[in-house]
Amino acid sequence: MDGSLARERVGAPRAGIAERIWEAARVEFSKRGYHGARVQGIARGASCNVALIYRHWASKKALYLDILRAVWLNAANEIAAELESGAATTSDAVVSAYLTAMTRDPMGAQVLVREYLDGAPFLSQLTVTDPSLLEPVRRAAAVMGGSAADGVDPVLAVVTVGGLTALVASAHEAVRPFVTAPAAPPAAWRRHVVELLTQDRAAMQAADGVQKPPPV
């Protein structure tokens, strides 16, 4: 991601009714996904009528695409900052950066989870329209290493990490009402999640380094 994209402001377009619609739509899409969300539900959440929503966005799809792009960019900005600072130089650091990005916006993480579960049709549409959205993924993939030839596609690995950290962030937030025991210290919890998400890849890399017997 270049600097100009990393610094782009994302979020509600402005204060007032548009911001109320934006926040209500985030709630609706995070709970129900694009297909389950209802414009009437967004209107109720924003305390406005449906016609007012269409005054600011041409359709439910247009509103969803704006929100999905903002969620993606917020996470991408975090990853870009880590990569540009040189902090993310290992697979563990990339996973940690994604986890930080997702836990800062668990509602946005839930929007992403539902998008992934639907097959990411709208995210694909966004990246086709604006290929620069994939730049942080490519740069993170370069850090993750590996190649399709050795059975570890680095881009797929990074996209998988993004999806899993989004799921972890949304689950961590959703479980709060049901957990009565004291939560683990944030540092310990993060370390556990990073180890969990990287151990399979470490095992694959270790196995790849084992000398293979010659063909017979």
C-alpha atoms as a PDB file:
ATOM      1  CA  MET A   1       0.000   0.000   0.000  1.00  0.00           C
ATOM      2  CA  ASP A   2       1.403   3.401  -0.834  1.00  0.00           C
ATOM      3  CA  GLY A   3       1.449   6.199   1.694  1.00  0.00           C
ATOM      4  CA  SER A   4      -1.453   8.115   0.173  1.00  0.00           C
ATOM      5  CA  LEU A   5      -3.784   5.143   0.525  1.00  0.00           C
ATOM      6  CA  ALA A   6      -2.547   4.369   4.021  1.00  0.00           C
ATOM      7  CA  ARG A   7      -3.418   7.883   5.168  1.00  0.00           C
ATOM      8  CA  GLU A   8      -6.845   7.920   3.538  1.00  0.00           C
ATOM      9  CA  ARG A   9      -9.628   8.748   5.984  1.00  0.00           C
ATOM     10  CA  VAL A  10     -12.215   6.015   6.289  1.00  0.00           C
ATOM     11  CA  GLY A  11     -15.440   5.904   8.240  1.00  0.00           C
ATOM     12  CA  ALA A  12     -18.672   7.808   8.429  1.00  0.00           C
ATOM     13  CA  PRO A  13     -18.854  10.534   5.742  1.00  0.00           C
ATOM     14  CA  ARG A  14     -19.765  13.353   8.117  1.00  0.00           C
ATOM     15  CA  ALA A  15     -21.535  14.147  11.374  1.00  0.00           C
ATOM     16  CA  GLY A  16     -25.313  14.178  11.561  1.00  0.00           C
ATOM     17  CA  ILE A  17     -27.886  11.890  10.011  1.00  0.00           C
ATOM     18  CA  ALA A  18     -25.380  10.327   7.568  1.00  0.00           C
ATOM     19  CA  GLU A  19     -23.199   9.276  10.487  1.00  0.00           C
ATOM     20  CA  ARG A  20     -26.211   7.791  12.313  1.00  0.00           C
ATOM     21  CA  ILE A  21     -27.138   5.822   9.193  1.00  0.00           C
ATOM     22  CA  TRP A  22     -23.536   4.661   8.837  1.00  0.00           C
ATOM     23  CA  GLU A  23     -23.306   3.375  12.405  1.00  0.00           C
ATOM     24  CA  ALA A  24     -26.742   1.735  12.249  1.00  0.00           C
ATOM     25  CA  ALA A  25     -25.766   0.029   8.993  1.00  0.00           C
ATOM     26  CA  ARG A  26     -22.550  -1.294  10.530  1.00  0.00           C
ATOM     27  CA  VAL A  27     -24.603  -2.880  13.303  1.00  0.00           C
ATOM     28  CA  GLU A  28     -27.145  -4.342  10.874  1.00  0.00           C
ATOM     29  CA  PHE A  29     -24.532  -5.754   8.485  1.00  0.00           C
ATOM     30  CA  SER A  30     -22.405  -7.145  11.317  1.00  0.00           C
ATOM     31  CA  LYS A  31     -25.390  -9.025  12.732  1.00  0.00           C
ATOM     32  CA  ARG A  32     -27.006 -10.237   9.511  1.00  0.00           C
ATOM     33  CA  GLY A  33     -24.532  -9.907   6.658  1.00  0.00           C
ATOM     34  CA  TYR A  34     -25.429  -8.240   3.397  1.00  0.00           C
ATOM     35  CA  HIS A  35     -28.235 -10.568   2.356  1.00  0.00           C
ATOM     36  CA  GLY A  36     -29.908 -10.737   5.760  1.00  0.00           C
ATOM     37  CA  ALA A  37     -29.672  -7.007   6.470  1.00  0.00           C
ATOM     38  CA  ARG A  38     -32.798  -4.908   5.943  1.00  0.00           C
ATOM     39  CA  VAL A  39     -32.909  -1.248   5.030  1.00  0.00           C
ATOM     40  CA  GLN A  40     -35.841  -0.902   7.428  1.00  0.00           C
ATOM     41  CA  GLY A  41     -33.625  -2.202  10.232  1.00  0.00           C
ATOM     42  CA  ILE A  42     -30.964   0.361   9.389  1.00  0.00           C
ATOM     43  CA  ALA A  43     -33.601   3.097   9.370  1.00  0.00           C
ATOM     44  CA  ARG A  44     -34.859   2.030  12.808  1.00  0.00           C
ATOM     45  CA  GLY A  45     -31.318   2.022  14.166  1.00  0.00           C
ATOM     46  CA  ALA A  46     -30.685   5.489  12.768  1.00  0.00           C
ATOM     47  CA  SER A  47     -34.091   6.828  13.869  1.00  0.00           C
ATOM     48  CA  CYS A  48     -34.925   7.971  10.356  1.00  0.00           C
ATOM     49  CA  ASN A  49     -37.074   6.871   7.437  1.00  0.00           C
ATOM     50  CA  VAL A  50     -35.897   4.728   4.528  1.00  0.00           C
ATOM     51  CA  ALA A  51     -36.170   7.597   2.051  1.00  0.00           C
ATOM     52  CA  LEU A  52     -33.537   9.499   4.011  1.00  0.00           C
ATOM     53  CA  ILE A  53     -31.099   6.606   3.635  1.00  0.00           C
ATOM     54  CA  TYR A  54     -31.519   6.689  -0.139  1.00  0.00           C
ATOM     55  CA  ARG A  55     -30.852  10.409  -0.110  1.00  0.00           C
ATOM     56  CA  HIS A  56     -27.301   9.616   1.051  1.00  0.00           C
ATOM     57  CA  TRP A  57     -26.702   6.241  -0.642  1.00  0.00           C
ATOM     58  CA  ALA A  58     -28.238   5.058  -3.900  1.00  0.00           C
ATOM     59  CA  SER A  59     -28.919   1.553  -2.598  1.00  0.00           C
ATOM     60  CA  LYS A  60     -28.290  -0.929   0.195  1.00  0.00           C
ATOM     61  CA  LYS A  61     -25.458  -2.319  -1.911  1.00  0.00           C
ATOM     62  CA  ALA A  62     -23.800   1.087  -2.238  1.00  0.00           C
ATOM     63  CA  LEU A  63     -23.955   1.574   1.531  1.00  0.00           C
ATOM     64  CA  TYR A  64     -22.584  -1.914   2.178  1.00  0.00           C
ATOM     65  CA  LEU A  65     -19.720  -1.450  -0.275  1.00  0.00           C
ATOM     66  CA  ASP A  66     -18.741   1.802   1.430  1.00  0.00           C
ATOM     67  CA  ILE A  67     -18.758   0.144   4.857  1.00  0.00           C
ATOM     68  CA  LEU A  68     -16.914  -2.959   3.670  1.00  0.00           C
ATOM     69  CA  ARG A  69     -14.260  -0.824   1.986  1.00  0.00           C
ATOM     70  CA  ALA A  70     -13.820   1.221   5.173  1.00  0.00           C
ATOM     71  CA  VAL A  71     -13.448  -1.928   7.302  1.00  0.00           C
ATOM     72  CA  TRP A  72     -10.904  -3.349   4.863  1.00  0.00           C
ATOM     73  CA  LEU A  73      -8.937  -0.083   4.714  1.00  0.00           C
ATOM     74  CA  ASN A  74      -8.857   0.301   8.487  1.00  0.00           C
ATOM     75  CA  ALA A  75      -7.269  -3.144   8.774  1.00  0.00           C
ATOM     76  CA  ALA A  76      -4.996  -2.505   5.773  1.00  0.00           C
ATOM     77  CA  ASN A  77      -3.787   0.764   7.291  1.00  0.00           C
ATOM     78  CA  GLU A  78      -2.680  -1.129  10.406  1.00  0.00           C
ATOM     79  CA  ILE A  79      -0.804  -3.719   8.364  1.00  0.00           C
ATOM     80  CA  ALA A  80       0.744  -1.051   6.127  1.00  0.00           C
ATOM     81  CA  ALA A  81       1.969   0.897   9.149  1.00  0.00           C
ATOM     82  CA  GLU A  82       3.618  -2.224  10.599  1.00  0.00           C
ATOM     83  CA  LEU A  83       5.261  -3.084   7.294  1.00  0.00           C
ATOM     84  CA  GLU A  84       6.456   0.457   6.648  1.00  0.00           C
ATOM     85  CA  SER A  85       7.922   0.760  10.139  1.00  0.00           C
ATOM     86  CA  GLY A  86       9.748  -2.531   9.762  1.00  0.00           C
ATOM     87  CA  ALA A  87       7.955  -3.990  12.795  1.00  0.00           C
ATOM     88  CA  ALA A  88       6.352  -6.822  10.813  1.00  0.00           C
ATOM     89  CA  THR A  89       9.315  -8.866   9.596  1.00  0.00           C
ATOM     90  CA  THR A  90       8.201 -12.380  10.558  1.00  0.00           C
ATOM     91  CA  SER A  91       5.084 -14.505  10.154  1.00  0.00           C
ATOM     92  CA  ASP A  92       4.280 -14.048  13.849  1.00  0.00           C
ATOM     93  CA  ALA A  93       4.502 -10.260  13.481  1.00  0.00           C
ATOM     94  CA  VAL A  94       2.146 -10.284  10.489  1.00  0.00           C
ATOM     95  CA  VAL A  95      -0.402 -12.359  12.413  1.00  0.00           C
ATOM     96  CA  SER A  96      -0.046 -10.047  15.415  1.00  0.00           C
ATOM     97  CA  ALA A  97      -0.602  -6.981  13.227  1.00  0.00           C
ATOM     98  CA  TYR A  98      -3.769  -8.469  11.754  1.00  0.00           C
ATOM     99  CA  LEU A  99      -4.980  -9.401  15.236  1.00  0.00           C
ATOM    100  CA  THR A 100      -4.407  -5.834  16.433  1.00  0.00           C
ATOM    101  CA  ALA A 101      -6.312  -4.433  13.467  1.00  0.00           C
ATOM    102  CA  MET A 102      -9.287  -6.738  13.969  1.00  0.00           C
ATOM    103  CA  THR A 103      -9.562  -6.379  17.738  1.00  0.00           C
ATOM    104  CA  ARG A 104      -9.651  -2.592  17.402  1.00  0.00           C
ATOM    105  CA  ASP A 105     -12.912  -2.919  15.473  1.00  0.00           C
ATOM    106  CA  PRO A 106     -14.718  -6.162  16.422  1.00  0.00           C
ATOM    107  CA  MET A 107     -17.912  -5.011  14.715  1.00  0.00           C
ATOM    108  CA  GLY A 108     -16.001  -4.438  11.494  1.00  0.00           C
ATOM    109  CA  ALA A 109     -14.370  -7.844  11.984  1.00  0.00           C
ATOM    110  CA  GLN A 110     -17.842  -9.385  12.126  1.00  0.00           C
ATOM    111  CA  VAL A 111     -18.758  -7.644   8.864  1.00  0.00           C
ATOM    112  CA  LEU A 112     -15.672  -9.231   7.287  1.00  0.00           C
ATOM    113  CA  VAL A 113     -16.448 -12.671   8.715  1.00  0.00           C
ATOM    114  CA  ARG A 114     -19.927 -12.629   7.212  1.00  0.00           C
ATOM    115  CA  GLU A 115     -18.526 -11.413   3.902  1.00  0.00           C
ATOM    116  CA  TYR A 116     -16.009 -14.278   3.861  1.00  0.00           C
ATOM    117  CA  LEU A 117     -18.720 -16.806   4.719  1.00  0.00           C
ATOM    118  CA  ASP A 118     -20.706 -15.593   1.703  1.00  0.00           C
ATOM    119  CA  GLY A 119     -17.696 -16.204  -0.534  1.00  0.00           C
ATOM    120  CA  ALA A 120     -16.416 -12.595  -0.460  1.00  0.00           C
ATOM    121  CA  PRO A 121     -18.340 -11.487  -3.589  1.00  0.00           C
ATOM    122  CA  PHE A 122     -18.401  -7.797  -2.682  1.00  0.00           C
ATOM    123  CA  LEU A 123     -14.819  -7.757  -1.457  1.00  0.00           C
ATOM    124  CA  SER A 124     -13.791  -9.269  -4.782  1.00  0.00           C
ATOM    125  CA  GLN A 125     -15.744  -6.541  -6.554  1.00  0.00           C
ATOM    126  CA  LEU A 126     -13.952  -3.860  -4.557  1.00  0.00           C
ATOM    127  CA  THR A 127     -10.491  -5.247  -5.266  1.00  0.00           C
ATOM    128  CA  VAL A 128     -11.224  -5.582  -8.974  1.00  0.00           C
ATOM    129  CA  THR A 129     -12.326  -1.948  -9.069  1.00  0.00           C
ATOM    130  CA  ASP A 130      -9.377  -0.803  -6.941  1.00  0.00           C
ATOM    131  CA  PRO A 131      -6.446  -3.281  -7.126  1.00  0.00           C
ATOM    132  CA  SER A 132      -4.400  -1.153  -4.718  1.00  0.00           C
ATOM    133  CA  LEU A 133      -6.565  -2.544  -1.910  1.00  0.00           C
ATOM    134  CA  LEU A 134      -4.613  -5.801  -2.272  1.00  0.00           C
ATOM    135  CA  GLU A 135      -1.184  -4.197  -1.914  1.00  0.00           C
ATOM    136  CA  PRO A 136      -0.940  -4.797   1.884  1.00  0.00           C
ATOM    137  CA  VAL A 137      -1.852  -8.452   1.288  1.00  0.00           C
ATOM    138  CA  ARG A 138       0.937  -8.832  -1.276  1.00  0.00           C
ATOM    139  CA  ARG A 139       3.471  -7.138   0.987  1.00  0.00           C
ATOM    140  CA  ALA A 140       2.434  -9.240   3.976  1.00  0.00           C
ATOM    141  CA  ALA A 141       2.665 -12.332   1.763  1.00  0.00           C
ATOM    142  CA  ALA A 142       6.271 -11.431   0.951  1.00  0.00           C
ATOM    143  CA  VAL A 143       7.006 -11.422   4.684  1.00  0.00           C
ATOM    144  CA  MET A 144       5.170 -14.702   5.252  1.00  0.00           C
ATOM    145  CA  GLY A 145       7.317 -16.337   2.544  1.00  0.00           C
ATOM    146  CA  GLY A 146       6.701 -19.648   0.851  1.00  0.00           C
ATOM    147  CA  SER A 147       5.333 -20.199  -2.619  1.00  0.00           C
ATOM    148  CA  ALA A 148       2.678 -22.146  -4.438  1.00  0.00           C
ATOM    149  CA  ALA A 149       5.456 -24.469  -5.621  1.00  0.00           C
ATOM    150  CA  ASP A 150       6.252 -25.656  -2.091  1.00  0.00           C
ATOM    151  CA  GLY A 151       2.586 -26.055  -1.244  1.00  0.00           C
ATOM    152  CA  VAL A 152       2.255 -22.835   0.769  1.00  0.00           C
ATOM    153  CA  ASP A 153       0.694 -20.029  -1.261  1.00  0.00           C
ATOM    154  CA  PRO A 154       1.708 -16.898   0.722  1.00  0.00           C
ATOM    155  CA  VAL A 155      -1.216 -14.776  -0.526  1.00  0.00           C
ATOM    156  CA  LEU A 156      -3.690 -17.464   0.482  1.00  0.00           C
ATOM    157  CA  ALA A 157      -1.900 -17.736   3.838  1.00  0.00           C
ATOM    158  CA  VAL A 158      -2.297 -13.998   4.476  1.00  0.00           C
ATOM    159  CA  VAL A 159      -5.967 -13.957   3.425  1.00  0.00           C
ATOM    160  CA  THR A 160      -6.556 -16.937   5.724  1.00  0.00           C
ATOM    161  CA  VAL A 161      -4.839 -15.114   8.588  1.00  0.00           C
ATOM    162  CA  GLY A 162      -7.045 -12.085   7.935  1.00  0.00           C
ATOM    163  CA  GLY A 163     -10.191 -14.200   8.045  1.00  0.00           C
ATOM    164  CA  LEU A 164      -9.138 -16.119  11.156  1.00  0.00           C
ATOM    165  CA  THR A 165      -8.123 -13.010  13.086  1.00  0.00           C
ATOM    166  CA  ALA A 166     -11.449 -11.405  12.144  1.00  0.00           C
ATOM    167  CA  LEU A 167     -13.220 -14.483  13.504  1.00  0.00           C
ATOM    168  CA  VAL A 168     -11.125 -14.415  16.691  1.00  0.00           C
ATOM    169  CA  ALA A 169     -11.854 -10.704  17.240  1.00  0.00           C
ATOM    170  CA  SER A 170     -15.592 -11.076  16.701  1.00  0.00           C
ATOM    171  CA  ALA A 171     -15.753 -14.194  18.912  1.00  0.00           C
ATOM    172  CA  HIS A 172     -13.729 -12.513  21.651  1.00  0.00           C
ATOM    173  CA  GLU A 173     -16.227  -9.662  21.715  1.00  0.00           C
ATOM    174  CA  ALA A 174     -19.327 -11.873  21.435  1.00  0.00           C
ATOM    175  CA  VAL A 175     -18.377 -14.114  24.358  1.00  0.00           C
ATOM    176  CA  ARG A 176     -18.109 -11.297  26.903  1.00  0.00           C
ATOM    177  CA  PRO A 177     -21.722 -11.606  28.216  1.00  0.00           C
ATOM    178  CA  PHE A 178     -21.220 -15.338  28.877  1.00  0.00           C
ATOM    179  CA  VAL A 179     -17.829 -15.352  30.592  1.00  0.00           C
ATOM    180  CA  THR A 180     -17.837 -14.843  34.359  1.00  0.00           C
ATOM    181  CA  ALA A 181     -14.216 -15.800  35.037  1.00  0.00           C
ATOM    182  CA  PRO A 182     -11.596 -13.053  34.855  1.00  0.00           C
ATOM    183  CA  ALA A 183     -10.203 -12.656  31.368  1.00  0.00           C
ATOM    184  CA  ALA A 184      -6.615 -13.600  30.650  1.00  0.00           C
ATOM    185  CA  PRO A 185      -4.164 -10.680  30.527  1.00  0.00           C
ATOM    186  CA  PRO A 186      -4.243  -9.149  27.030  1.00  0.00           C
ATOM    187  CA  ALA A 187      -0.587  -9.959  26.380  1.00  0.00           C
ATOM    188  CA  ALA A 188      -1.053 -13.617  27.322  1.00  0.00           C
ATOM    189  CA  TRP A 189      -4.213 -13.920  25.255  1.00  0.00           C
ATOM    190  CA  ARG A 190      -2.557 -12.344  22.218  1.00  0.00           C
ATOM    191  CA  ARG A 191       0.478 -14.609  22.534  1.00  0.00           C
ATOM    192  CA  HIS A 192      -1.769 -17.678  22.688  1.00  0.00           C
ATOM    193  CA  VAL A 193      -3.748 -16.617  19.591  1.00  0.00           C
ATOM    194  CA  VAL A 194      -0.619 -15.780  17.574  1.00  0.00           C
ATOM    195  CA  GLU A 195       0.930 -19.138  18.460  1.00  0.00           C
ATOM    196  CA  LEU A 196      -2.285 -20.922  17.570  1.00  0.00           C
ATOM    197  CA  LEU A 197      -2.526 -19.236  14.158  1.00  0.00           C
ATOM    198  CA  THR A 198       1.130 -19.763  13.270  1.00  0.00           C
ATOM    199  CA  GLN A 199       1.886 -23.240  14.585  1.00  0.00           C
ATOM    200  CA  ASP A 200       0.519 -25.086  11.531  1.00  0.00           C
ATOM    201  CA  ARG A 201       2.585 -22.934   9.180  1.00  0.00           C
ATOM    202  CA  ALA A 202       5.699 -23.468  11.305  1.00  0.00           C
ATOM    203  CA  ALA A 203       5.101 -27.211  11.197  1.00  0.00           C
ATOM    204  CA  MET A 204       4.730 -27.099   7.402  1.00  0.00           C
ATOM    205  CA  GLN A 205       7.949 -25.152   7.027  1.00  0.00           C
ATOM    206  CA  ALA A 206       9.774 -27.554   9.344  1.00  0.00           C
ATOM    207  CA  ALA A 207       8.466 -30.529   7.401  1.00  0.00           C
ATOM    208  CA  ASP A 208       9.556 -28.886   4.161  1.00  0.00           C
ATOM    209  CA  GLY A 209      13.086 -28.657   5.547  1.00  0.00           C
ATOM    210  CA  VAL A 210      13.262 -32.379   6.329  1.00  0.00           C
ATOM    211  CA  GLN A 211      15.380 -34.231   3.811  1.00  0.00           C
ATOM    212  CA  LYS A 212      13.145 -36.299   1.578  1.00  0.00           C
ATOM    213  CA  PRO A 213      14.206 -39.808   0.551  1.00  0.00           C
ATOM    214  CA  PRO A 214      15.338 -40.161  -3.056  1.00  0.00           C
ATOM    215  CA  PRO A 215      12.763 -41.459  -5.504  1.00  0.00           C
ATOM    216  CA  VAL A 216      12.827 -45.173  -6.174  1.00  0.00           C
END
